[in-house]
N, C-alpha and C. Protein backbone atom coordinates (compact mmCIF):
# COMPACT_ATOMS: atom_id res chain seq x y z
N UNK A 1 0.91 -1.48 -0.16
CA UNK A 1 0.19 0.08 0.16
C UNK A 1 0.78 1.31 -0.07
N UNK A 2 0.47 1.99 -1.16
CA UNK A 2 1.41 3.55 -0.86
C UNK A 2 0.81 4.04 0.03
N UNK A 3 1.24 5.02 0.93
CA UNK A 3 0.95 6.42 1.60
C UNK A 3 1.03 7.29 1.13
N UNK A 4 0.65 8.40 1.78
CA UNK A 4 1.00 9.71 1.37
C UNK A 4 1.03 10.56 2.54
N UNK A 5 2.55 11.56 2.61
CA UNK A 5 2.18 12.54 3.53
C UNK A 5 2.91 13.85 3.35
N UNK A 6 2.27 15.11 3.60
CA UNK A 6 2.49 16.34 3.17
C UNK A 6 2.91 17.12 4.60
N UNK A 7 4.05 18.11 4.07
CA UNK A 7 4.01 19.18 5.06
C UNK A 7 4.71 20.44 4.12
N UNK A 8 4.39 21.11 4.56
CA UNK A 8 4.78 23.01 4.06
C UNK A 8 5.82 23.72 5.18
N UNK A 9 6.87 24.41 4.27
CA UNK A 9 8.16 24.65 4.75
C UNK A 9 8.04 26.25 4.99
N UNK A 10 8.13 26.53 5.87
CA UNK A 10 8.42 28.62 5.58
C UNK A 10 9.22 28.87 4.93
N UNK A 11 10.26 27.91 5.24
CA UNK A 11 11.62 28.86 4.15
C UNK A 11 12.80 27.77 4.38
N UNK A 12 14.00 28.31 3.61
CA UNK A 12 14.90 26.80 3.27
C UNK A 12 15.43 26.07 4.67
N UNK A 13 15.27 26.97 5.84
CA UNK A 13 15.99 26.37 7.16
C UNK A 13 14.91 25.40 7.55
N UNK A 14 13.65 25.50 7.23
CA UNK A 14 12.78 24.53 8.20
C UNK A 14 12.79 23.27 6.77
N UNK A 15 13.07 23.24 5.53
CA UNK A 15 13.13 22.32 4.65
C UNK A 15 14.55 21.56 5.05
N UNK A 16 15.65 22.18 5.40
CA UNK A 16 16.72 21.81 5.70
C UNK A 16 16.69 20.72 7.19
N UNK A 17 16.17 21.69 8.08
CA UNK A 17 15.72 20.32 9.75
C UNK A 17 14.75 19.61 9.05
N UNK A 18 13.85 19.71 7.98
CA UNK A 18 12.82 18.30 7.73
C UNK A 18 13.82 17.30 7.32
N UNK A 19 14.97 17.94 6.28
CA UNK A 19 15.62 16.47 5.57
C UNK A 19 16.77 16.02 6.68
N UNK A 20 17.32 16.63 7.61
CA UNK A 20 18.10 16.04 8.98
C UNK A 20 16.86 14.69 9.70
N UNK A 21 16.12 15.07 9.99
CA UNK A 21 15.03 14.29 10.54
C UNK A 21 14.80 13.01 9.92
N UNK A 22 14.78 13.44 8.52
CA UNK A 22 14.61 11.95 7.82
C UNK A 22 16.30 11.51 7.60
N UNK A 23 17.28 12.13 7.48
CA UNK A 23 18.26 11.29 7.27
C UNK A 23 18.85 10.45 8.66
N UNK A 24 18.34 11.09 9.95
CA UNK A 24 18.63 10.20 11.20
C UNK A 24 17.67 8.83 10.97
N UNK A 25 16.60 8.74 9.54
CA UNK A 25 15.78 7.21 9.74
C UNK A 25 16.43 6.34 8.68
N UNK A 26 17.52 6.93 7.86
CA UNK A 26 17.74 6.05 6.84
C UNK A 26 18.75 4.76 7.38
N UNK A 27 18.38 4.15 6.37
CA UNK A 27 19.29 2.71 6.21
C UNK A 27 20.27 2.62 5.21
N UNK A 28 21.01 1.74 5.36
CA UNK A 28 21.76 1.21 3.84
C UNK A 28 20.62 0.44 3.02
N UNK A 29 20.88 0.38 1.38
CA UNK A 29 19.98 -0.01 0.83
C UNK A 29 18.64 1.05 0.26
N UNK A 30 18.50 2.24 1.11
CA UNK A 30 17.39 2.86 0.75
C UNK A 30 17.76 3.90 -0.43
N UNK A 31 16.49 4.03 -1.59
CA UNK A 31 16.78 4.84 -2.31
C UNK A 31 15.41 6.37 -2.33
N UNK A 32 16.02 7.31 -2.49
CA UNK A 32 15.02 8.22 -2.38
C UNK A 32 15.23 9.02 -3.87
N UNK A 33 13.73 8.96 -3.91
CA UNK A 33 13.63 10.17 -5.50
C UNK A 33 12.86 10.95 -5.71
N UNK A 34 14.09 11.96 -5.79
CA UNK A 34 13.12 13.68 -5.92
C UNK A 34 12.71 14.16 -6.95
N UNK A 35 11.70 14.93 -7.02
CA UNK A 35 11.19 15.31 -8.38
C UNK A 35 10.46 16.78 -7.67
N UNK A 36 10.09 17.64 -8.72
CA UNK A 36 9.93 18.70 -8.62
C UNK A 36 10.46 19.68 -10.18
N UNK A 37 9.85 20.71 -10.09
CA UNK A 37 10.28 21.72 -10.94
C UNK A 37 11.96 22.36 -10.91
N UNK A 38 12.30 22.70 -12.18
CA UNK A 38 13.90 23.28 -11.82
C UNK A 38 14.15 24.32 -10.86
N UNK A 39 15.09 24.40 -10.01
CA UNK A 39 15.07 25.58 -9.29
C UNK A 39 14.34 25.12 -7.99
N UNK A 40 13.61 24.50 -7.21
CA UNK A 40 12.87 24.45 -6.84
C UNK A 40 13.45 24.13 -4.89
N UNK A 41 14.63 23.56 -5.42
CA UNK A 41 15.25 23.03 -4.29
C UNK A 41 15.77 21.34 -3.90
N UNK A 42 15.48 20.94 -4.56
CA UNK A 42 15.72 19.44 -4.94
C UNK A 42 17.13 19.10 -4.03
N UNK A 43 18.25 19.70 -5.15
CA UNK A 43 19.72 19.85 -5.01
C UNK A 43 19.97 20.14 -3.14
N UNK A 44 18.99 21.16 -2.70
CA UNK A 44 19.25 21.86 -1.48
C UNK A 44 18.69 20.88 -0.79
N UNK A 45 17.76 20.06 -0.80
CA UNK A 45 17.31 18.57 0.05
C UNK A 45 18.53 17.63 0.07
N UNK A 46 18.94 17.62 -1.11
CA UNK A 46 19.23 16.38 -1.17
C UNK A 46 20.71 16.68 -0.50
N UNK A 47 21.82 18.15 -0.55
CA UNK A 47 22.55 18.36 0.62
C UNK A 47 22.59 17.88 1.79
N UNK A 48 21.13 18.74 2.31
CA UNK A 48 20.90 18.34 3.48
C UNK A 48 21.01 16.70 4.15
N UNK A 49 20.38 16.02 3.27
CA UNK A 49 20.48 14.75 3.89
C UNK A 49 21.43 14.35 3.73
N UNK A 50 22.49 14.85 2.97
CA UNK A 50 24.03 14.27 3.21
C UNK A 50 24.91 14.73 3.89
N UNK A 51 24.47 15.91 4.32
CA UNK A 51 25.79 16.65 5.40
C UNK A 51 25.12 16.18 6.67
N UNK A 52 23.39 15.74 6.82
CA UNK A 52 23.31 14.83 8.17
C UNK A 52 23.96 13.63 8.36
N UNK A 53 24.13 12.96 7.01
CA UNK A 53 24.65 11.50 6.96
C UNK A 53 26.22 11.54 6.93
N UNK A 54 26.29 12.66 7.91
CA UNK A 54 28.39 12.79 7.83
C UNK A 54 28.62 13.31 6.29
N UNK A 55 28.48 13.47 5.44
CA UNK A 55 28.84 13.87 4.25
C UNK A 55 29.86 15.39 4.71
N UNK A 56 31.78 15.07 4.55
CA UNK A 56 32.13 16.36 5.13
C UNK A 56 33.06 16.58 4.10
N UNK A 57 32.18 16.61 2.98
CA UNK A 57 33.16 17.09 1.65
C UNK A 57 33.11 19.08 1.89
N UNK A 58 33.78 19.39 1.41
CA UNK A 58 33.66 21.12 1.87
C UNK A 58 32.43 21.98 0.69
N UNK A 59 32.50 21.22 -0.33
CA UNK A 59 32.09 21.21 -0.81
C UNK A 59 31.23 19.86 -1.82
N UNK A 60 29.79 20.38 -2.43
CA UNK A 60 28.86 19.38 -2.52
C UNK A 60 28.11 19.23 -3.94
N UNK A 61 29.08 19.58 -5.11
CA UNK A 61 28.43 19.70 -6.19
C UNK A 61 27.12 19.16 -6.64
N UNK A 62 26.28 20.10 -7.68
CA UNK A 62 24.82 18.69 -8.35
C UNK A 62 25.99 17.97 -9.08
N UNK A 63 25.34 16.74 -9.16
CA UNK A 63 26.30 15.74 -10.45
C UNK A 63 25.31 15.94 -11.92
N UNK A 64 24.60 17.20 -11.99
CA UNK A 64 24.06 17.17 -13.25
C UNK A 64 24.56 17.18 -14.38
N UNK A 65 26.22 16.84 -14.24
CA UNK A 65 26.84 16.74 -15.62
C UNK A 65 27.81 15.11 -15.25
N UNK A 66 28.17 15.01 -13.65
CA UNK A 66 28.60 13.78 -13.45
C UNK A 66 27.74 12.56 -13.21
N UNK A 67 26.02 12.66 -13.44
CA UNK A 67 25.61 11.89 -12.81
C UNK A 67 25.25 11.31 -12.05
N UNK A 68 26.58 10.22 -11.27
CA UNK A 68 26.73 10.34 -10.29
C UNK A 68 27.81 10.71 -9.30
N UNK A 69 27.87 11.13 -8.53
CA UNK A 69 29.06 11.49 -7.16
C UNK A 69 28.84 10.42 -6.22
N UNK A 70 29.72 10.12 -5.71
CA UNK A 70 30.08 9.24 -4.38
C UNK A 70 30.57 9.78 -3.17
N UNK A 71 29.83 9.43 -1.98
CA UNK A 71 30.17 9.85 -1.08
C UNK A 71 30.35 9.12 0.35
N UNK A 72 31.50 9.42 1.65
CA UNK A 72 31.21 8.53 2.66
C UNK A 72 30.44 9.12 3.57
N UNK A 73 29.83 8.15 4.82
CA UNK A 73 28.39 8.80 5.57
C UNK A 73 28.89 7.80 6.20
N UNK A 74 27.70 8.12 7.43
CA UNK A 74 27.55 7.61 8.77
C UNK A 74 25.86 7.34 8.92
N UNK A 75 25.55 6.28 9.41
CA UNK A 75 24.08 6.12 9.62
C UNK A 75 23.84 6.13 10.75
N UNK A 76 22.33 6.43 11.13
CA UNK A 76 22.57 6.15 12.90
C UNK A 76 22.71 5.18 13.81
N UNK A 77 23.37 5.41 14.65
CA UNK A 77 23.54 4.34 15.32
C UNK A 77 25.97 4.00 15.07
N UNK A 78 26.05 5.18 14.28
CA UNK A 78 27.49 5.01 13.85
C UNK A 78 28.20 3.93 12.67
N UNK A 79 27.03 3.35 11.93
CA UNK A 79 27.83 2.74 10.69
C UNK A 79 27.84 3.29 9.48
N UNK A 80 29.00 2.82 9.05
CA UNK A 80 29.52 3.54 7.83
C UNK A 80 28.45 3.39 6.70
N UNK A 81 28.88 3.82 5.78
CA UNK A 81 27.51 4.18 4.59
C UNK A 81 28.10 4.78 3.79
N UNK A 82 27.39 3.96 2.32
CA UNK A 82 28.11 5.48 1.00
C UNK A 82 26.98 5.58 0.44
N UNK A 83 26.98 7.09 -0.18
CA UNK A 83 26.34 7.61 -0.22
C UNK A 83 26.59 7.89 -2.17
N UNK A 84 24.82 7.57 -2.52
CA UNK A 84 25.29 7.26 -3.95
C UNK A 84 24.74 8.86 -4.75
N UNK A 85 24.17 10.21 -5.05
CA UNK A 85 23.85 11.43 -5.31
C UNK A 85 23.90 11.64 -6.80
N UNK A 86 22.94 11.25 -7.51
CA UNK A 86 22.47 11.04 -9.19
C UNK A 86 21.21 12.43 -9.26
N UNK A 87 21.92 12.57 -10.40
CA UNK A 87 20.84 13.51 -10.91
C UNK A 87 20.66 13.21 -12.65
N UNK A 88 19.57 12.53 -12.50
CA UNK A 88 18.80 12.07 -13.77
C UNK A 88 18.37 13.10 -15.19
N UNK A 89 18.84 14.54 -14.83
CA UNK A 89 17.90 15.48 -15.66
C UNK A 89 18.97 15.17 -17.20
N UNK A 90 20.15 14.72 -17.47
CA UNK A 90 19.97 14.62 -18.62
C UNK A 90 19.90 13.35 -19.35
N UNK A 91 19.79 12.68 -19.04
CA UNK A 91 19.32 11.03 -19.19
C UNK A 91 17.91 10.82 -19.86
N UNK A 92 18.19 9.68 -21.18
CA UNK A 92 17.17 9.96 -22.23
C UNK A 92 16.38 8.60 -22.24
N UNK A 93 16.03 8.45 -20.62
CA UNK A 93 15.17 7.64 -20.38
C UNK A 93 16.25 5.96 -19.60
N UNK A 94 15.36 5.25 -20.22
CA UNK A 94 16.04 3.90 -18.77
C UNK A 94 17.13 3.41 -19.11
N UNK A 95 17.08 2.98 -20.40
CA UNK A 95 18.00 2.38 -21.18
C UNK A 95 19.21 3.39 -20.93
N UNK A 96 19.48 4.48 -20.66
CA UNK A 96 20.65 5.45 -20.41
C UNK A 96 20.79 5.20 -19.35
N UNK A 97 19.90 5.11 -18.07
CA UNK A 97 20.22 4.94 -16.85
C UNK A 97 20.85 3.67 -16.39
N UNK A 98 20.29 2.67 -16.75
CA UNK A 98 20.44 1.35 -16.78
C UNK A 98 22.05 0.43 -17.43
N UNK A 99 22.58 1.71 -18.88
CA UNK A 99 23.65 1.33 -19.02
C UNK A 99 24.86 1.51 -18.08
N UNK A 100 24.48 2.70 -17.33
CA UNK A 100 25.28 3.38 -16.52
C UNK A 100 25.44 2.59 -14.67
N UNK A 101 25.02 1.13 -14.82
CA UNK A 101 25.04 0.22 -13.92
C UNK A 101 24.25 0.83 -12.38
N UNK A 102 23.26 1.67 -12.43
CA UNK A 102 22.77 2.61 -11.41
C UNK A 102 22.14 1.67 -10.12
N UNK A 103 21.64 0.28 -10.69
CA UNK A 103 20.96 -0.38 -9.79
C UNK A 103 22.19 -0.94 -8.58
N UNK A 104 23.18 -1.38 -8.84
CA UNK A 104 24.23 -1.39 -8.11
C UNK A 104 23.94 -0.77 -6.47
N UNK A 105 23.87 0.65 -6.95
CA UNK A 105 23.60 1.78 -6.01
C UNK A 105 22.16 1.91 -4.86
N UNK A 106 21.81 0.82 -5.00
CA UNK A 106 20.06 0.17 -4.65
C UNK A 106 20.23 -0.45 -3.82
N UNK A 107 21.56 -0.94 -3.36
CA UNK A 107 21.58 -2.01 -2.13
C UNK A 107 23.02 -1.82 -1.50
N UNK A 108 22.63 -2.28 -0.12
CA UNK A 108 23.95 -1.93 0.84
C UNK A 108 24.89 -2.13 -0.01
N UNK A 109 26.54 -1.21 0.68
CA UNK A 109 26.49 -0.34 1.86
C UNK A 109 26.07 1.12 1.31
N UNK A 110 24.78 1.62 0.01
CA UNK A 110 24.62 2.69 -0.62
C UNK A 110 23.31 3.01 0.41
N UNK A 111 23.31 4.39 0.24
CA UNK A 111 22.29 5.01 0.49
C UNK A 111 22.37 5.78 -0.71
N UNK A 112 21.31 5.65 -1.23
CA UNK A 112 21.18 6.50 -2.72
C UNK A 112 19.87 7.25 -3.37
N UNK A 113 20.53 8.79 -3.52
CA UNK A 113 19.83 9.85 -3.70
C UNK A 113 19.81 10.10 -4.92
N UNK A 114 18.75 10.25 -5.82
CA UNK A 114 18.05 10.69 -7.02
C UNK A 114 17.17 11.82 -7.30
N UNK A 115 17.87 12.91 -8.00
CA UNK A 115 17.07 14.00 -8.21
C UNK A 115 16.62 13.49 -9.34
N UNK A 116 15.72 14.10 -10.31
CA UNK A 116 15.16 13.98 -11.69
C UNK A 116 14.66 12.51 -11.66
N UNK A 117 14.38 11.85 -10.97
CA UNK A 117 14.03 10.36 -11.14
C UNK A 117 13.40 9.92 -11.98
N UNK A 118 12.54 10.98 -12.11
CA UNK A 118 11.05 10.64 -12.89
C UNK A 118 11.99 10.30 -14.65
N UNK A 119 12.61 10.44 -15.17
CA UNK A 119 13.72 9.81 -16.15
C UNK A 119 13.67 8.70 -16.29
N UNK A 120 13.84 7.66 -15.76
CA UNK A 120 14.20 7.06 -15.46
C UNK A 120 12.50 5.83 -14.24
N UNK A 121 12.13 6.20 -14.20
CA UNK A 121 11.00 5.78 -13.05
C UNK A 121 11.06 3.82 -12.51
N UNK A 122 10.90 3.33 -14.22
CA UNK A 122 10.92 2.19 -14.60
C UNK A 122 11.86 1.11 -13.75
N UNK A 123 12.92 1.77 -13.37
CA UNK A 123 14.50 1.27 -12.86
C UNK A 123 14.00 1.55 -11.37
N UNK A 124 13.38 2.50 -10.90
CA UNK A 124 13.20 2.08 -9.13
C UNK A 124 12.74 1.14 -8.77
N UNK A 125 13.66 0.79 -7.62
CA UNK A 125 13.25 -0.01 -6.79
C UNK A 125 11.24 0.32 -6.18
N UNK A 126 10.31 -0.96 -6.00
CA UNK A 126 9.43 -1.37 -5.03
C UNK A 126 9.72 0.14 -3.74
N UNK A 127 11.07 -0.37 -3.47
CA UNK A 127 10.52 0.39 -1.95
C UNK A 127 11.24 1.74 -2.14
N UNK A 128 11.19 2.26 -3.00
CA UNK A 128 11.69 4.08 -3.54
C UNK A 128 11.04 4.94 -2.57
N UNK A 129 11.31 5.42 -1.52
CA UNK A 129 10.70 6.65 -1.21
C UNK A 129 10.59 7.82 -2.10
N UNK A 130 9.92 8.29 -2.56
CA UNK A 130 8.99 9.47 -3.48
C UNK A 130 8.78 10.75 -2.32
N UNK A 131 9.85 11.69 -3.23
CA UNK A 131 10.06 13.16 -2.38
C UNK A 131 9.85 14.25 -3.31
N UNK A 132 8.29 14.70 -3.39
CA UNK A 132 8.10 15.84 -4.41
C UNK A 132 7.71 17.06 -3.86
N UNK A 133 9.28 18.07 -4.14
CA UNK A 133 9.16 19.17 -3.90
C UNK A 133 8.07 20.55 -4.79
N UNK A 134 7.81 20.90 -4.20
CA UNK A 134 6.92 22.41 -5.17
C UNK A 134 6.57 23.95 -4.51
N UNK A 135 6.59 24.40 -5.10
CA UNK A 135 6.50 25.79 -5.01
C UNK A 135 4.89 26.01 -4.25
N UNK A 136 4.63 26.72 -2.76
CA UNK A 136 3.41 27.07 -2.62
C UNK A 136 2.81 27.97 -2.84
N UNK A 137 2.06 28.56 -4.01
CA UNK A 137 1.14 29.46 -4.98
C UNK A 137 1.07 30.66 -3.59
N UNK A 138 1.97 31.70 -4.11
CA UNK A 138 1.85 33.45 -3.63
C UNK A 138 2.95 33.41 -2.19
N UNK A 139 3.67 32.19 -2.29
CA UNK A 139 4.81 32.56 -1.28
C UNK A 139 6.27 31.80 -1.67
N UNK A 140 6.83 32.72 -2.63
CA UNK A 140 7.99 32.35 -3.10
C UNK A 140 9.02 31.76 -2.25
N UNK A 141 9.16 31.82 -1.28
CA UNK A 141 10.48 31.42 -0.10
C UNK A 141 9.59 30.03 0.74
N UNK A 142 7.90 30.00 0.38
CA UNK A 142 7.42 28.30 0.77
C UNK A 142 7.59 27.33 -0.06
N UNK A 143 7.53 26.43 0.53
CA UNK A 143 8.32 24.85 -0.29
C UNK A 143 6.66 23.78 0.22
N UNK A 144 6.36 23.01 -0.90
CA UNK A 144 5.35 22.25 0.12
C UNK A 144 6.11 20.51 -0.90
N UNK A 145 6.06 19.79 0.35
CA UNK A 145 6.73 18.44 0.26
C UNK A 145 5.72 17.32 0.48
N UNK A 146 5.68 16.38 -0.49
CA UNK A 146 4.67 15.09 -0.50
C UNK A 146 5.78 13.84 -0.34
N UNK A 147 5.78 13.17 1.22
CA UNK A 147 6.19 11.88 0.77
C UNK A 147 5.72 10.55 0.29
N UNK A 148 5.84 9.81 -0.48
CA UNK A 148 4.62 8.97 -0.93
C UNK A 148 5.83 7.63 -1.28
N UNK A 149 5.02 6.78 -1.41
CA UNK A 149 5.49 5.38 -1.35
C UNK A 149 5.46 4.28 -0.72
N UNK A 150 5.36 2.82 -0.26
CA UNK A 150 5.46 1.74 0.34
C UNK A 150 5.95 2.28 1.75
N UNK A 151 7.31 2.90 1.28
CA UNK A 151 7.99 3.30 3.08
C UNK A 151 7.81 4.49 3.31
N UNK A 152 6.67 4.90 2.87
CA UNK A 152 6.56 6.71 3.49
C UNK A 152 5.79 6.55 4.67
N UNK A 153 5.02 5.77 5.28
CA UNK A 153 4.62 5.72 6.36
C UNK A 153 5.75 5.76 7.25
N UNK A 154 6.47 4.57 6.88
CA UNK A 154 7.59 4.16 7.98
C UNK A 154 8.53 5.59 8.33
N UNK A 155 8.39 5.60 7.74
CA UNK A 155 9.89 7.52 7.40
C UNK A 155 9.42 8.20 8.33
N UNK A 156 7.72 8.37 8.24
CA UNK A 156 6.84 9.62 8.32
C UNK A 156 6.78 9.64 9.83
N UNK A 157 6.69 8.01 10.29
CA UNK A 157 6.59 7.98 11.89
C UNK A 157 7.80 7.97 12.27
N UNK A 158 9.19 7.69 12.02
CA UNK A 158 10.81 7.90 12.28
C UNK A 158 10.72 9.28 12.91
N UNK A 159 10.31 9.95 12.14
CA UNK A 159 10.48 11.71 12.16
C UNK A 159 9.84 12.09 12.79
N UNK A 160 8.67 11.64 13.64
CA UNK A 160 7.71 12.49 14.19
C UNK A 160 7.63 12.16 15.63
N UNK A 161 8.46 10.53 15.81
CA UNK A 161 8.83 10.12 17.16
C UNK A 161 10.45 10.82 17.70
N UNK A 162 10.80 11.48 16.24
CA UNK A 162 12.32 12.29 16.51
C UNK A 162 12.69 13.27 17.31
């Protein structure tokens, strides 16, 4: 069963705080699929999750041209993990994504964050956590976030209890 949870953030700081809470609930093997209009804040959200997972790199560039950037991190409890930050914006469908071997990043020790995941939706595992970010009409600083997928209820509950 797919669940859906919606949040509204007044500003970027609230968005980052939410991402930090989400990161504390992640485990290796998790796949997060970010979607939303260009410039809505998918990269801000992804970077906030990576920082909360302990990515120490001074700069975390968007993987727009590299398509996949790899990092070392730590999940809650102190166990090491690997993080794959992907941007599928420039991919031309599932064949392009599949040729890159992206499925290897969907299992432990990886946590996979994918921006523009809708470019190759059919390759995503059934357990993917969908995160859709959108503008709130009438307020340029506000964002609405929709968390959905079969694992959404678990993550929403984990964040509510933290």
